[in-house]
Structures are given as structure tokens and as C-alpha cells.
Amino acid sequence: MLVCHCNLITQKEIEAAIVEMLDADPWQLIVPAKVYHAMAKRGRCCGCFPNVVETIIRVTEDYHSQSDNHDADIVTHLDRVRALREKFGSRFIERRNKGHRAA
């Protein structure tokens, strides 16, 4: 699935970059800009960043659940991030007008 139309980045490429960063340091803070930097890309319109955040949360949660550490702190932290995302991020729908058209 194509996530970023500006850079032609797929979901699998983003997931691979996140897993690669987690392999290097499983407890680092991963943000969309860091993922794009790891892929040697940059955010242009940044409309895909909310979807990238959801991908980071999902992949990080899966990565830690498959690792040897089964701490409850991981799930608690990710639930807090998800709750903040729902509280502040879902109202704006990527900050685009409903009648927005690229062409």
C-alpha cells in the first residue's frame, strides 16, 4: 500500500525502516522525521505523517511483543500515545479541507 504519494513510499518500506531502527536500539523514540531520514527521504506535504505515526505504534508494539521482554510498561506507554492521538489528532483529518483535490 502506498503511504506517501510525494515520495512514493510503501507501507512495507516504512515498516522495514522502523524494524531496522528498533534492531539498533529497541528503546529509542521513533518519529516520522526519523523514519524518513533513515530512508534518505524528507516529508514534503507531511499529510502522510499521521499514518506513519500509526504504523510506528503498530510495528513497535509487535516488535516488543515478539521479543523476550514482556513488560506491561510497553503496552501502557503505547496506549497513552494512542489515546493522545485520538484526542488531538483525529479531529483535524490531516488538516485538509473536505473539498481538497490535488489536481
N, C-alpha and C. Protein backbone atom coordinates (compact mmCIF):
# COMPACT_ATOMS: atom_id res chain seq x y z
N MET A 1 0.84 -1.17 0.00
CA MET A 1 0.00 0.00 0.00
C MET A 1 0.89 1.24 0.00
N LEU A 2 0.55 2.20 -0.81
CA LEU A 2 1.30 3.44 -0.93
C LEU A 2 0.88 4.37 0.22
N VAL A 3 1.84 4.77 1.04
CA VAL A 3 1.56 5.64 2.18
C VAL A 3 1.86 7.09 1.83
N CYS A 4 3.00 7.34 1.22
CA CYS A 4 3.42 8.70 0.89
C CYS A 4 3.42 8.86 -0.63
N HIS A 5 2.51 9.66 -1.13
CA HIS A 5 2.41 9.88 -2.56
C HIS A 5 3.50 10.82 -3.07
N CYS A 6 3.98 11.71 -2.23
CA CYS A 6 5.02 12.66 -2.64
C CYS A 6 6.35 11.95 -2.92
N ASN A 7 6.69 10.97 -2.09
CA ASN A 7 7.97 10.27 -2.21
C ASN A 7 7.83 8.85 -2.74
N LEU A 8 6.60 8.42 -2.99
CA LEU A 8 6.32 7.05 -3.44
C LEU A 8 6.91 6.02 -2.48
N ILE A 9 6.49 6.11 -1.22
CA ILE A 9 6.94 5.19 -0.18
C ILE A 9 5.80 4.26 0.18
N THR A 10 6.10 2.96 0.24
CA THR A 10 5.09 1.97 0.57
C THR A 10 5.10 1.66 2.06
N GLN A 11 4.04 1.01 2.50
CA GLN A 11 3.90 0.58 3.89
C GLN A 11 5.04 -0.35 4.29
N LYS A 12 5.40 -1.28 3.42
CA LYS A 12 6.47 -2.24 3.72
C LYS A 12 7.82 -1.56 3.90
N GLU A 13 8.10 -0.52 3.11
CA GLU A 13 9.36 0.21 3.26
C GLU A 13 9.43 0.92 4.61
N ILE A 14 8.31 1.50 5.02
CA ILE A 14 8.27 2.18 6.31
C ILE A 14 8.44 1.16 7.44
N GLU A 15 7.74 0.04 7.35
CA GLU A 15 7.86 -1.00 8.37
C GLU A 15 9.28 -1.52 8.46
N ALA A 16 9.94 -1.73 7.33
CA ALA A 16 11.33 -2.23 7.33
C ALA A 16 12.27 -1.22 7.98
N ALA A 17 12.07 0.06 7.71
CA ALA A 17 12.91 1.09 8.32
C ALA A 17 12.72 1.13 9.83
N ILE A 18 11.47 0.98 10.28
CA ILE A 18 11.19 1.00 11.72
C ILE A 18 11.83 -0.20 12.40
N VAL A 19 11.69 -1.38 11.83
CA VAL A 19 12.28 -2.59 12.42
C VAL A 19 13.80 -2.47 12.46
N GLU A 20 14.39 -1.91 11.41
CA GLU A 20 15.85 -1.72 11.38
C GLU A 20 16.30 -0.79 12.51
N MET A 21 15.54 0.27 12.75
CA MET A 21 15.88 1.18 13.84
C MET A 21 15.67 0.53 15.20
N LEU A 22 14.63 -0.29 15.34
CA LEU A 22 14.39 -0.99 16.60
C LEU A 22 15.46 -2.05 16.85
N ASP A 23 15.97 -2.66 15.80
CA ASP A 23 17.06 -3.63 15.96
C ASP A 23 18.31 -2.94 16.51
N ALA A 24 18.55 -1.71 16.06
CA ALA A 24 19.72 -0.96 16.54
C ALA A 24 19.56 -0.54 17.99
N ASP A 25 18.37 -0.07 18.36
CA ASP A 25 18.09 0.35 19.73
C ASP A 25 16.59 0.19 19.98
N PRO A 26 16.18 -0.86 20.70
CA PRO A 26 14.75 -1.12 20.87
C PRO A 26 14.01 -0.08 21.72
N TRP A 27 14.72 0.78 22.44
CA TRP A 27 14.06 1.73 23.32
C TRP A 27 14.17 3.18 22.85
N GLN A 28 14.57 3.37 21.61
CA GLN A 28 14.66 4.73 21.09
C GLN A 28 13.28 5.28 20.75
N LEU A 29 13.19 6.59 20.73
CA LEU A 29 11.96 7.26 20.34
C LEU A 29 11.97 7.40 18.83
N ILE A 30 10.96 6.85 18.18
CA ILE A 30 10.89 6.88 16.73
C ILE A 30 9.76 7.83 16.33
N VAL A 31 10.09 8.79 15.49
CA VAL A 31 9.13 9.76 14.98
C VAL A 31 9.18 9.72 13.46
N PRO A 32 8.16 10.24 12.77
CA PRO A 32 8.15 10.17 11.31
C PRO A 32 9.38 10.78 10.64
N ALA A 33 9.89 11.89 11.16
CA ALA A 33 11.07 12.51 10.55
C ALA A 33 12.28 11.58 10.62
N LYS A 34 12.39 10.83 11.70
CA LYS A 34 13.50 9.89 11.85
C LYS A 34 13.37 8.73 10.86
N VAL A 35 12.15 8.28 10.64
CA VAL A 35 11.91 7.20 9.67
C VAL A 35 12.26 7.67 8.27
N TYR A 36 11.82 8.86 7.92
CA TYR A 36 12.12 9.40 6.59
C TYR A 36 13.62 9.63 6.41
N HIS A 37 14.30 10.08 7.47
CA HIS A 37 15.74 10.28 7.40
C HIS A 37 16.46 8.95 7.18
N ALA A 38 15.99 7.90 7.83
CA ALA A 38 16.59 6.57 7.66
C ALA A 38 16.42 6.06 6.22
N MET A 39 15.37 6.49 5.54
CA MET A 39 15.14 6.08 4.16
C MET A 39 15.72 7.08 3.16
N ALA A 40 16.43 8.10 3.65
CA ALA A 40 17.02 9.16 2.82
C ALA A 40 15.94 9.91 2.04
N LYS A 41 14.83 10.16 2.68
CA LYS A 41 13.71 10.92 2.11
C LYS A 41 13.40 12.08 3.04
N ARG A 42 12.51 12.96 2.62
CA ARG A 42 12.05 14.03 3.51
C ARG A 42 10.56 14.23 3.31
N GLY A 43 9.91 14.68 4.36
CA GLY A 43 8.48 14.95 4.26
C GLY A 43 8.25 16.20 3.43
N ARG A 44 7.38 16.11 2.49
CA ARG A 44 7.10 17.28 1.64
C ARG A 44 5.80 17.93 2.08
N CYS A 45 4.67 17.30 1.85
CA CYS A 45 3.41 17.90 2.30
C CYS A 45 3.09 17.44 3.72
N CYS A 46 3.69 16.36 4.18
CA CYS A 46 3.54 15.79 5.52
C CYS A 46 2.12 15.32 5.83
N GLY A 47 1.30 15.14 4.81
CA GLY A 47 -0.04 14.62 5.01
C GLY A 47 -0.04 13.15 5.41
N CYS A 48 1.05 12.46 5.15
CA CYS A 48 1.14 11.04 5.48
C CYS A 48 1.62 10.80 6.91
N PHE A 49 2.11 11.83 7.60
CA PHE A 49 2.69 11.64 8.93
C PHE A 49 1.73 11.01 9.93
N PRO A 50 0.43 11.35 9.96
CA PRO A 50 -0.46 10.65 10.90
C PRO A 50 -0.52 9.14 10.64
N ASN A 51 -0.49 8.74 9.39
CA ASN A 51 -0.48 7.31 9.07
C ASN A 51 0.85 6.67 9.45
N VAL A 52 1.93 7.42 9.31
CA VAL A 52 3.25 6.91 9.70
C VAL A 52 3.31 6.73 11.21
N VAL A 53 2.70 7.63 11.96
CA VAL A 53 2.66 7.50 13.42
C VAL A 53 1.92 6.23 13.81
N GLU A 54 0.78 5.97 13.18
CA GLU A 54 0.04 4.74 13.45
C GLU A 54 0.88 3.50 13.12
N THR A 55 1.63 3.56 12.03
CA THR A 55 2.49 2.44 11.64
C THR A 55 3.61 2.26 12.66
N ILE A 56 4.19 3.35 13.13
CA ILE A 56 5.25 3.26 14.14
C ILE A 56 4.71 2.60 15.40
N ILE A 57 3.53 2.99 15.85
CA ILE A 57 2.94 2.41 17.06
C ILE A 57 2.69 0.92 16.86
N ARG A 58 2.09 0.57 15.73
CA ARG A 58 1.76 -0.84 15.48
C ARG A 58 3.01 -1.71 15.37
N VAL A 59 4.00 -1.26 14.61
CA VAL A 59 5.22 -2.05 14.41
C VAL A 59 6.02 -2.15 15.71
N THR A 60 6.09 -1.07 16.47
CA THR A 60 6.81 -1.10 17.74
C THR A 60 6.14 -2.04 18.73
N GLU A 61 4.83 -2.00 18.77
CA GLU A 61 4.08 -2.90 19.66
C GLU A 61 4.32 -4.36 19.27
N ASP A 62 4.26 -4.66 17.98
CA ASP A 62 4.50 -6.02 17.51
C ASP A 62 5.94 -6.46 17.78
N TYR A 63 6.88 -5.55 17.57
CA TYR A 63 8.30 -5.86 17.78
C TYR A 63 8.56 -6.23 19.23
N HIS A 64 8.02 -5.43 20.15
CA HIS A 64 8.25 -5.70 21.57
C HIS A 64 7.46 -6.91 22.08
N SER A 65 6.32 -7.18 21.50
CA SER A 65 5.56 -8.35 21.94
C SER A 65 6.22 -9.64 21.48
N GLN A 66 6.98 -9.59 20.38
CA GLN A 66 7.68 -10.78 19.90
C GLN A 66 9.06 -10.94 20.54
N SER A 67 9.54 -9.91 21.22
CA SER A 67 10.85 -10.01 21.86
C SER A 67 10.72 -10.77 23.18
N ASP A 68 11.85 -10.98 23.83
CA ASP A 68 11.87 -11.72 25.09
C ASP A 68 11.26 -10.93 26.24
N ASN A 69 11.29 -9.61 26.15
CA ASN A 69 10.74 -8.77 27.21
C ASN A 69 9.23 -8.65 27.04
N HIS A 70 8.50 -9.02 28.06
CA HIS A 70 7.03 -8.90 28.03
C HIS A 70 6.59 -7.97 29.15
N ASP A 71 7.18 -6.78 29.18
CA ASP A 71 6.85 -5.81 30.22
C ASP A 71 5.51 -5.15 29.93
N ALA A 72 4.76 -4.87 30.97
CA ALA A 72 3.48 -4.17 30.83
C ALA A 72 3.70 -2.70 30.52
N ASP A 73 4.91 -2.17 30.81
CA ASP A 73 5.19 -0.76 30.56
C ASP A 73 5.09 -0.42 29.08
N ILE A 74 5.45 -1.35 28.22
CA ILE A 74 5.41 -1.09 26.78
C ILE A 74 3.97 -0.84 26.35
N VAL A 75 3.08 -1.72 26.71
CA VAL A 75 1.68 -1.59 26.31
C VAL A 75 1.06 -0.35 26.93
N THR A 76 1.38 -0.06 28.19
CA THR A 76 0.83 1.11 28.86
C THR A 76 1.25 2.38 28.14
N HIS A 77 2.51 2.48 27.78
CA HIS A 77 3.00 3.67 27.08
C HIS A 77 2.34 3.82 25.71
N LEU A 78 2.25 2.73 24.97
CA LEU A 78 1.64 2.80 23.64
C LEU A 78 0.15 3.12 23.72
N ASP A 79 -0.52 2.65 24.75
CA ASP A 79 -1.93 3.00 24.93
C ASP A 79 -2.09 4.49 25.22
N ARG A 80 -1.15 5.07 25.98
CA ARG A 80 -1.19 6.51 26.24
C ARG A 80 -0.96 7.30 24.96
N VAL A 81 -0.01 6.87 24.15
CA VAL A 81 0.25 7.54 22.87
C VAL A 81 -0.99 7.45 21.97
N ARG A 82 -1.60 6.28 21.91
CA ARG A 82 -2.79 6.09 21.08
C ARG A 82 -3.94 6.97 21.57
N ALA A 83 -4.10 7.09 22.89
CA ALA A 83 -5.17 7.93 23.44
C ALA A 83 -4.94 9.40 23.10
N LEU A 84 -3.69 9.86 23.19
CA LEU A 84 -3.39 11.23 22.81
C LEU A 84 -3.64 11.46 21.32
N ARG A 85 -3.33 10.47 20.53
CA ARG A 85 -3.55 10.57 19.08
C ARG A 85 -5.05 10.71 18.78
N GLU A 86 -5.86 9.93 19.47
CA GLU A 86 -7.31 10.01 19.27
C GLU A 86 -7.86 11.34 19.78
N LYS A 87 -7.29 11.83 20.89
CA LYS A 87 -7.80 13.06 21.48
C LYS A 87 -7.46 14.28 20.63
N PHE A 88 -6.22 14.37 20.16
CA PHE A 88 -5.79 15.57 19.46
C PHE A 88 -5.68 15.41 17.95
N GLY A 89 -5.45 14.22 17.45
CA GLY A 89 -5.16 14.06 16.03
C GLY A 89 -6.33 13.71 15.15
N SER A 90 -7.36 13.11 15.68
CA SER A 90 -8.43 12.62 14.82
C SER A 90 -9.41 13.71 14.40
N ARG A 91 -9.45 14.83 15.09
CA ARG A 91 -10.41 15.88 14.76
C ARG A 91 -10.06 16.61 13.47
N PHE A 92 -8.78 16.70 13.17
CA PHE A 92 -8.35 17.55 12.07
C PHE A 92 -8.27 16.84 10.73
N ILE A 93 -8.29 15.54 10.70
CA ILE A 93 -8.23 14.74 9.48
C ILE A 93 -7.11 15.26 8.58
N GLU A 94 -5.90 15.21 9.09
CA GLU A 94 -4.69 15.61 8.36
C GLU A 94 -4.70 17.08 7.95
N ARG A 95 -5.52 17.89 8.60
CA ARG A 95 -5.57 19.34 8.38
C ARG A 95 -5.92 19.72 6.94
N ARG A 96 -6.68 18.90 6.27
CA ARG A 96 -7.08 19.19 4.91
C ARG A 96 -8.56 19.51 4.85
N ASN A 97 -8.93 20.37 3.94
CA ASN A 97 -10.34 20.67 3.73
C ASN A 97 -11.03 19.48 3.09
N LYS A 98 -12.31 19.37 3.30
CA LYS A 98 -13.05 18.24 2.73
C LYS A 98 -13.04 18.28 1.22
N GLY A 99 -13.03 19.46 0.63
CA GLY A 99 -13.05 19.57 -0.83
C GLY A 99 -11.66 19.61 -1.45
N HIS A 100 -10.62 19.20 -0.67
CA HIS A 100 -9.24 19.27 -1.16
C HIS A 100 -9.03 18.31 -2.33
N ARG A 101 -8.48 18.83 -3.40
CA ARG A 101 -8.11 18.00 -4.55
C ARG A 101 -6.72 18.38 -4.97
N ALA A 102 -5.91 17.42 -5.29
CA ALA A 102 -4.53 17.67 -5.70
C ALA A 102 -4.47 18.24 -7.10
N ALA A 103 -5.39 17.86 -7.96
CA ALA A 103 -5.32 18.32 -9.35
C ALA A 103 -6.48 19.21 -9.69
